[in-house]
Structure formats: structure tokens, C-alpha cells
């Protein structure tokens, strides 16, 4: 039988294990995303600011570390724009890696790390810890059995994490785009709530939920199945690092492919929201999930909904593998540490 993966460790230890996994994943995947953003950036210029900060040029980017997506507002003249001044032209992904490293130094490949870490680490900690707690509650606390438990626990834990992080993401976008102080930010949020109600803080939650909740449900469902199958095949009671890594990569790739249309919609919606917040203008065009989906279908057909298929799978599969294997390794480490401590106490 598969050993109960979160038995014998505290929620704080689960949080430490998932936090370490999120840090490692961000460090590993950020260079891939920096290259993707640089390739996109050479095609699109900076926007001209038309609000409080006239004559300020800015651009909205979408950073993704394979676990979470984050809008990053980059103002012209800030450190993130130094590469706009260099006329380097990239012909492709490998060319971009080589030229960025040669011309700007290796550190430039991790230029999106701070905004990624600010949101990704706490969001991932909430998500993974909630998943383990929920799964164990359903399985051992309430006595439910069956393969659907990871599906339910995965979906609900992601819904919780996304709901907590969504207002923080909106607040961070406002702060970045308008260079607000905390007191100005408080006034800004208060007027936004007074005007549009508390739900305005969760603007843009719909497309996020539509992509992230099915992704997580499918991911954990497949992960637990593949892990159990591999444990049976190699006749081990607890998943090893390589088993967790393989199961994470396979389930991540499958979930990424199955939720790709929602990912395309979510990316477009997030950038629209970032630009709206930065310009300080109301929505001028229909931005509901189904409107965007219909627009993409009209523009590019079904192929448009599966745009970015290869980059997404290349990024998500290793990110999921690194995250889950680090998390499982961390949990095993704490289980062993707690067991040794108990034995010494006896």
C-alpha cells in the first residue's frame, strides 16, 4: 500500500517543503519565461501613459513560473527596460539564450524573479498544503474512498489559493503601474470598493478559475494514479524522488494540454486587466471568458485556442516535476526527522 504521504509531519513542515519547491521551480523556469517575454517584446513597443503619470511609457508582461502567472508592469527607465535600449534582435529561443547571456550576463536570465517570487511562493504554499490537508481529511477523516478524492481536493485547494491571491495580484498591479504609496493605495482601493463593491477586488478571477481549477483537478488525479502505478511496478511502498518527478511531468503535461484553450483566454484577459489598471480606464470592450473565446475563434479558428501548445508543455511539465519531487522529498525529510526525534525521546 502507498504510505500516507502527509502522516507524521506538521502543516508548518508541509509549508516549508512546498515553499522550497516553489523557490526551486521559479529559479529553474524563470529563464525560459524571460526569453519568451523578450521575444514578444521585440515585436511590441511600450505604451504611452495617458493618466496620472503622463509621458511615462510602460508595458504589461505576463510572467509564469510554470505554477502561477503574474502580471508585471514595466515602466520605461526602470531596470527591467535596460534591454529595450540594446538593439539586439533574436531569431529564436536558442539564439535569445546565447545573446542575452553573452551581451547582458547570465543574471539577466533571472530578471523576472522578484515579481514571480512575491506571489508564486505564498500561493504555492497555500495550494499544496491545502491539497494534502483536504485529501487526508476526505480519505481518513471522513472515510471517503476512490480515485476521485485527488480530483476534488486538487480543484478545491486551487480555488482557495487563487481566491486568496487574486486581490493581492490586483493590488500589486496598481502599485507597480502607478507608483502609489501605501496610503495612496488604501485610498485607491477604498474608492474602487465604494464604486464597484467588494467583488471588484476579484476582477479577472473567472478566467483564472476556469483554467487553474480544472488543471489542478486533472493534475492531482493523474499524479496519484501514475505514482501508485509506478510504486506497484517498482515494488516500493513510498514514492522515490524519480517516481515523483516522472509522475509530476506526465500529469503536468496531460493537464496542460487539456486546459490549453482556457490558458490562451486567461493570458489575454490578464494582459487586458493589467493594461486597464495601468491606464486607469474602464473596460471598453467585452472581456468575459466566452467573448474572448469567440473572438479568438473568429480571428484564428480552433488553432488560435491551442496557440503556444509546445512552449506551455515544455514549461509546465518540468515545472510540475521539479515542484512535486522537491515537495515529496521535503515531506520525506521531515517525516524521517520527526521519527528520529520520537525514537530518541523514547
Protein backbone atom coordinates (compact mmCIF):
# COMPACT_ATOMS: atom_id res chain seq x y z
CA UNK A 1 0.00 0.00 0.00
CA UNK A 2 1.08 3.59 -0.64
CA UNK A 3 2.32 5.23 2.53
CA UNK A 4 0.19 8.18 3.71
CA UNK A 5 2.37 10.98 2.31
CA UNK A 6 1.50 13.65 4.86
CA UNK A 7 1.34 11.48 8.00
CA UNK A 8 3.87 12.30 10.69
CA UNK A 9 4.54 15.89 9.60
CA UNK A 10 3.01 19.16 10.73
CA UNK A 11 1.27 21.71 8.44
CA UNK A 12 4.22 24.10 9.04
CA UNK A 13 6.62 21.42 7.73
CA UNK A 14 4.34 20.91 4.71
CA UNK A 15 4.51 24.66 4.12
CA UNK A 16 8.32 24.64 4.33
CA UNK A 17 8.51 21.73 1.86
CA UNK A 18 6.15 23.41 -0.65
CA UNK A 19 7.90 26.79 -0.23
CA UNK A 20 11.26 25.20 -1.05
CA UNK A 21 9.70 23.53 -4.10
CA UNK A 22 8.21 26.82 -5.30
CA UNK A 23 11.57 28.62 -4.92
CA UNK A 24 13.45 25.95 -6.87
CA UNK A 25 10.79 25.82 -9.60
CA UNK A 26 10.86 29.61 -10.02
CA UNK A 27 14.67 29.63 -10.31
CA UNK A 28 14.54 26.78 -12.84
CA UNK A 29 11.70 28.04 -15.09
CA UNK A 30 12.16 31.86 -14.98
CA UNK A 31 14.92 31.91 -17.69
CA UNK A 32 12.52 30.16 -20.11
CA UNK A 33 9.90 32.80 -19.44
CA UNK A 34 12.33 35.73 -19.65
CA UNK A 35 13.36 34.53 -23.13
CA UNK A 36 9.69 34.18 -24.17
CA UNK A 37 8.93 37.74 -22.97
CA UNK A 38 12.00 39.17 -24.72
CA UNK A 39 10.95 37.52 -27.99
CA UNK A 40 7.44 39.00 -27.59
CA UNK A 41 8.84 42.42 -26.58
CA UNK A 42 10.82 42.92 -29.77
CA UNK A 43 7.52 42.83 -31.67
CA UNK A 44 5.61 45.31 -29.48
CA UNK A 45 6.64 48.82 -28.36
CA UNK A 46 5.99 50.46 -24.98
CA UNK A 47 2.58 52.05 -24.44
CA UNK A 48 2.31 55.80 -23.84
CA UNK A 49 0.83 56.60 -20.42
CA UNK A 50 -2.33 58.70 -20.55
CA UNK A 51 -3.24 59.13 -16.87
CA UNK A 52 -1.68 60.47 -13.65
CA UNK A 53 1.79 59.74 -14.97
CA UNK A 54 1.78 61.40 -18.39
CA UNK A 55 4.78 60.87 -20.65
CA UNK A 56 5.59 57.60 -18.93
CA UNK A 57 5.98 54.62 -21.24
CA UNK A 58 5.13 51.21 -19.90
CA UNK A 59 4.44 47.65 -20.93
CA UNK A 60 2.48 44.79 -19.35
CA UNK A 61 4.20 41.41 -19.33
CA UNK A 62 2.91 38.06 -18.15
CA UNK A 63 5.47 36.11 -16.14
CA UNK A 64 4.77 32.45 -15.49
CA UNK A 65 6.98 30.10 -13.49
CA UNK A 66 5.03 27.02 -14.56
CA UNK A 67 2.96 27.15 -11.37
CA UNK A 68 1.43 30.63 -11.30
CA UNK A 69 1.03 33.54 -13.75
CA UNK A 70 1.78 37.12 -12.73
CA UNK A 71 1.24 40.44 -14.47
CA UNK A 72 4.39 42.55 -14.34
CA UNK A 73 4.12 46.24 -15.26
CA UNK A 74 7.44 47.52 -16.51
CA UNK A 75 7.96 51.29 -16.81
CA UNK A 76 10.39 52.77 -19.30
CA UNK A 77 13.55 53.83 -17.48
CA UNK A 78 13.18 51.14 -14.79
CA UNK A 79 15.80 48.38 -14.51
CA UNK A 80 13.55 45.95 -16.40
CA UNK A 81 13.79 48.11 -19.52
CA UNK A 82 17.57 48.29 -19.90
CA UNK A 83 17.34 45.63 -22.60
CA UNK A 84 14.95 47.78 -24.67
CA UNK A 85 17.81 50.18 -25.33
CA UNK A 86 20.02 47.45 -26.79
CA UNK A 87 19.06 46.77 -30.41
CA UNK A 88 19.74 43.01 -30.09
CA UNK A 89 17.47 41.04 -32.39
CA UNK A 90 16.70 37.41 -31.57
CA UNK A 91 15.87 34.93 -34.31
CA UNK A 92 14.60 32.24 -31.93
CA UNK A 93 14.67 30.75 -28.43
CA UNK A 94 18.22 29.31 -28.53
CA UNK A 95 19.55 32.47 -30.19
CA UNK A 96 17.94 34.56 -27.41
CA UNK A 97 19.56 32.43 -24.66
CA UNK A 98 23.00 32.78 -26.26
CA UNK A 99 22.77 36.54 -26.99
CA UNK A 100 21.27 37.51 -23.60
CA UNK A 101 23.99 35.55 -21.77
CA UNK A 102 26.78 36.93 -23.97
CA UNK A 103 25.67 40.59 -24.13
CA UNK A 104 23.99 41.15 -20.76
CA UNK A 105 25.35 38.46 -18.47
CA UNK A 106 23.76 35.33 -17.02
CA UNK A 107 21.91 37.31 -14.31
CA UNK A 108 19.68 38.87 -16.96
CA UNK A 109 18.00 35.47 -17.49
CA UNK A 110 16.54 35.75 -13.98
CA UNK A 111 15.33 39.35 -14.38
CA UNK A 112 11.69 38.43 -13.69
CA UNK A 113 12.37 36.54 -10.50
CA UNK A 114 11.40 39.08 -7.78
CA UNK A 115 7.81 39.70 -9.01
CA UNK A 116 7.41 35.95 -9.58
CA UNK A 117 8.58 35.02 -6.08
CA UNK A 118 6.47 37.68 -4.34
CA UNK A 119 3.28 35.93 -5.44
CA UNK A 120 4.23 32.40 -6.51
CA UNK A 121 5.77 31.20 -3.24
CA UNK A 122 2.86 32.11 -0.89
CA UNK A 123 0.26 30.98 -3.48
CA UNK A 124 2.01 27.61 -3.95
CA UNK A 125 2.41 27.13 -0.19
CA UNK A 126 -1.36 27.67 0.33
CA UNK A 127 -2.23 25.42 -2.62
CA UNK A 128 -0.03 22.39 -1.80
CA UNK A 129 -0.63 22.47 1.96
CA UNK A 130 -4.41 22.75 1.43
CA UNK A 131 -4.33 19.86 -1.05
CA UNK A 132 -2.65 17.48 1.41
CA UNK A 133 -4.88 18.56 4.29
CA UNK A 134 -8.07 18.25 2.19
CA UNK A 135 -7.10 14.90 0.68
CA UNK A 136 -6.31 13.43 4.11
CA UNK A 137 -9.50 14.89 5.59
CA UNK A 138 -11.63 13.29 2.83
CA UNK A 139 -9.77 9.99 2.91
CA UNK A 140 -9.02 9.45 6.61
CA UNK A 141 -11.21 11.96 8.45
CA UNK A 142 -14.46 11.37 6.52
CA UNK A 143 -13.78 7.84 5.27
CA UNK A 144 -14.26 8.50 1.54
CA UNK A 145 -12.51 6.11 -0.82
CA UNK A 146 -11.89 6.22 -4.58
CA UNK A 147 -9.81 7.85 -7.29
CA UNK A 148 -11.98 10.98 -7.34
CA UNK A 149 -10.57 12.25 -3.99
CA UNK A 150 -7.43 13.87 -5.55
CA UNK A 151 -9.71 15.38 -8.22
CA UNK A 152 -11.93 17.09 -5.61
CA UNK A 153 -9.08 18.05 -3.25
CA UNK A 154 -6.96 19.40 -6.13
CA UNK A 155 -9.76 21.55 -7.55
CA UNK A 156 -10.86 22.95 -4.17
CA UNK A 157 -7.33 23.73 -2.93
CA UNK A 158 -6.50 25.63 -6.14
CA UNK A 159 -9.80 27.54 -5.90
CA UNK A 160 -8.84 28.57 -2.35
CA UNK A 161 -5.30 29.64 -3.31
CA UNK A 162 -6.47 31.60 -6.37
CA UNK A 163 -9.22 33.37 -4.38
CA UNK A 164 -6.73 34.48 -1.71
CA UNK A 165 -4.07 35.65 -4.19
CA UNK A 166 -6.35 37.34 -6.77
CA UNK A 167 -6.94 40.62 -4.81
CA UNK A 168 -3.22 40.81 -3.92
CA UNK A 169 -2.35 40.47 -7.61
CA UNK A 170 -4.69 43.36 -8.49
CA UNK A 171 -3.22 45.50 -5.68
CA UNK A 172 0.33 44.74 -6.82
CA UNK A 173 -0.52 45.70 -10.43
CA UNK A 174 -1.92 49.03 -9.19
CA UNK A 175 1.20 49.71 -7.10
CA UNK A 176 3.58 48.83 -9.92
CA UNK A 177 1.77 50.78 -12.62
CA UNK A 178 1.04 53.98 -10.72
CA UNK A 179 3.95 54.05 -8.24
CA UNK A 180 1.48 54.50 -5.37
CA UNK A 181 2.49 54.76 -1.71
CA UNK A 182 0.63 52.54 0.78
CA UNK A 183 -1.61 55.43 1.93
CA UNK A 184 -2.46 56.30 -1.70
CA UNK A 185 -3.10 52.63 -2.36
CA UNK A 186 -5.55 52.46 0.56
CA UNK A 187 -7.49 55.45 -0.84
CA UNK A 188 -7.43 53.90 -4.33
CA UNK A 189 -8.78 50.53 -3.08
CA UNK A 190 -11.41 52.24 -0.90
CA UNK A 191 -12.74 54.29 -3.84
CA UNK A 192 -12.71 51.19 -6.08
CA UNK A 193 -14.72 49.22 -3.49
CA UNK A 194 -17.14 52.14 -2.94
CA UNK A 195 -17.69 52.45 -6.68
CA UNK A 196 -17.90 48.78 -7.74
CA UNK A 197 -18.34 46.83 -4.48
CA UNK A 198 -16.03 44.30 -2.79
CA UNK A 199 -16.26 41.94 -5.78
CA UNK A 200 -14.19 44.43 -7.83
CA UNK A 201 -11.12 43.13 -5.94
CA UNK A 202 -11.67 39.75 -7.60
CA UNK A 203 -11.92 41.16 -11.12
CA UNK A 204 -10.43 38.66 -13.56
CA UNK A 205 -10.99 35.69 -11.22
CA UNK A 206 -13.31 33.93 -13.74
CA UNK A 207 -10.75 33.02 -16.44
CA UNK A 208 -8.18 32.14 -13.75
CA UNK A 209 -10.60 29.71 -12.08
CA UNK A 210 -11.65 28.24 -15.45
CA UNK A 211 -8.07 27.33 -16.25
CA UNK A 212 -6.46 26.68 -12.86
CA UNK A 213 -9.18 24.63 -11.14
CA UNK A 214 -9.61 22.03 -13.97
CA UNK A 215 -5.81 21.97 -14.40
CA UNK A 216 -5.27 21.20 -10.71
CA UNK A 217 -8.08 18.63 -10.54
CA UNK A 218 -6.68 16.79 -13.60
CA UNK A 219 -3.09 17.16 -12.40
CA UNK A 220 -3.61 15.61 -8.95
CA UNK A 221 -5.96 12.91 -10.29
CA UNK A 222 -3.33 11.79 -12.84
CA UNK A 223 -0.41 12.30 -10.46
CA UNK A 224 -1.82 10.00 -7.76
CA UNK A 225 -2.74 7.35 -10.39
CA UNK A 226 0.67 7.41 -12.14
CA UNK A 227 2.51 7.48 -8.79
CA UNK A 228 0.54 4.46 -7.48
CA UNK A 229 1.16 2.58 -10.76
CA UNK A 230 4.92 3.29 -10.67
CA UNK A 231 5.15 2.33 -6.96
CA UNK A 232 3.45 -1.02 -7.77
CA UNK A 233 5.73 -1.56 -10.77
CA UNK A 234 8.93 -0.96 -8.78
CA UNK A 235 7.52 -2.66 -5.66
CA UNK A 236 8.08 0.26 -3.26
CA UNK A 237 5.73 1.45 -0.51
CA UNK A 238 6.65 5.15 -0.79
CA UNK A 239 7.37 7.15 -3.94
CA UNK A 240 11.05 7.84 -4.57
CA UNK A 241 12.35 11.17 -5.96
CA UNK A 242 12.48 9.76 -9.53
CA UNK A 243 8.94 8.31 -9.29
CA UNK A 244 7.55 11.67 -8.07
CA UNK A 245 9.49 13.51 -10.81
CA UNK A 246 8.18 11.21 -13.59
CA UNK A 247 4.58 11.22 -12.32
CA UNK A 248 4.68 15.04 -11.96
CA UNK A 249 5.99 15.56 -15.51
CA UNK A 250 3.43 13.19 -17.11
CA UNK A 251 0.42 14.55 -15.19
CA UNK A 252 1.55 18.17 -15.72
CA UNK A 253 1.84 17.66 -19.49
CA UNK A 254 -1.59 15.98 -19.73
CA UNK A 255 -3.32 18.69 -17.65
CA UNK A 256 -1.55 21.46 -19.63
CA UNK A 257 -2.73 20.08 -22.98
CA UNK A 258 -6.32 19.56 -21.79
CA UNK A 259 -6.67 23.09 -20.37
CA UNK A 260 -4.78 24.95 -23.13
CA UNK A 261 -7.80 26.88 -24.59
CA UNK A 262 -8.52 28.34 -21.14
CA UNK A 263 -4.84 29.26 -20.79
CA UNK A 264 -4.95 31.23 -24.06
CA UNK A 265 -8.08 33.11 -22.86
CA UNK A 266 -6.61 33.73 -19.40
CA UNK A 267 -3.37 35.17 -20.82
CA UNK A 268 -5.30 37.63 -22.99
CA UNK A 269 -7.64 38.58 -20.14
CA UNK A 270 -4.78 39.14 -17.65
CA UNK A 271 -2.89 41.44 -20.02
CA UNK A 272 -6.12 43.38 -20.72
CA UNK A 273 -6.66 43.79 -16.98
CA UNK A 274 -3.07 44.88 -16.43
CA UNK A 275 -3.40 47.48 -19.18
CA UNK A 276 -6.76 48.70 -17.82
CA UNK A 277 -5.29 49.11 -14.32
CA UNK A 278 -2.23 50.90 -15.69
CA UNK A 279 -4.19 53.27 -17.89
CA UNK A 280 -6.88 53.73 -15.25
CA UNK A 281 -9.64 53.32 -17.80
CA UNK A 282 -12.88 51.32 -17.64
CA UNK A 283 -13.44 48.30 -19.88
CA UNK A 284 -14.15 49.46 -23.41
CA UNK A 285 -14.61 46.03 -24.93
CA UNK A 286 -16.33 42.80 -23.86
CA UNK A 287 -13.87 40.85 -21.74
CA UNK A 288 -15.87 37.90 -20.45
CA UNK A 289 -14.24 34.50 -20.98
CA UNK A 290 -16.76 33.42 -23.62
CA UNK A 291 -16.50 36.73 -25.52
CA UNK A 292 -12.71 36.39 -25.69
CA UNK A 293 -13.02 32.74 -26.75
CA UNK A 294 -15.48 33.66 -29.51
CA UNK A 295 -13.14 36.47 -30.63
CA UNK A 296 -10.17 34.09 -30.83
CA UNK A 297 -12.26 31.57 -32.79
CA UNK A 298 -13.34 34.31 -35.24
CA UNK A 299 -9.74 35.57 -35.62
CA UNK A 300 -7.78 32.33 -35.86
CA UNK A 301 -10.19 29.40 -35.70
CA UNK A 302 -9.64 26.43 -33.38
CA UNK A 303 -5.86 26.67 -33.90
CA UNK A 304 -5.95 30.02 -32.07
CA UNK A 305 -7.30 28.32 -28.93
CA UNK A 306 -4.32 25.96 -28.94
CA UNK A 307 -1.70 28.64 -29.62
CA UNK A 308 1.53 28.20 -27.66
CA UNK A 309 0.99 24.46 -27.29
CA UNK A 310 4.70 23.50 -27.30
CA UNK A 311 6.05 26.35 -25.08
CA UNK A 312 3.35 25.66 -22.47
CA UNK A 313 4.03 21.91 -22.30
CA UNK A 314 7.84 22.45 -22.33
CA UNK A 315 7.47 24.84 -19.37
CA UNK A 316 4.67 23.21 -17.35
CA UNK A 317 5.87 19.57 -17.45
CA UNK A 318 9.35 20.20 -15.93
CA UNK A 319 7.93 22.83 -13.54
CA UNK A 320 5.39 20.33 -12.19
CA UNK A 321 8.08 17.63 -12.00
CA UNK A 322 10.56 19.84 -10.09
CA UNK A 323 7.84 21.17 -7.76
CA UNK A 324 6.25 17.87 -6.78
CA UNK A 325 9.51 15.89 -6.44
CA UNK A 326 11.02 18.64 -4.23
CA UNK A 327 7.80 18.77 -2.18
CA UNK A 328 7.67 14.97 -1.71
CA UNK A 329 11.41 14.90 -0.87
CA UNK A 330 10.87 17.68 1.70
CA UNK A 331 7.99 15.79 3.29
CA UNK A 332 10.05 12.57 3.47
CA UNK A 333 12.92 14.51 5.07
CA UNK A 334 10.61 15.92 7.79
CA UNK A 335 8.93 12.52 8.34
CA UNK A 336 12.34 10.92 8.94
CA UNK A 337 13.43 13.81 11.18
CA UNK A 338 10.25 13.56 13.30
CA UNK A 339 10.56 9.77 13.54
CA UNK A 340 14.20 10.04 14.69
CA UNK A 341 13.20 12.66 17.27
CA UNK A 342 10.40 10.39 18.61
CA UNK A 343 12.77 7.41 18.86
CA UNK A 344 15.35 9.47 20.74
CA UNK A 345 12.65 10.68 23.14
CA UNK A 346 11.72 7.05 23.90
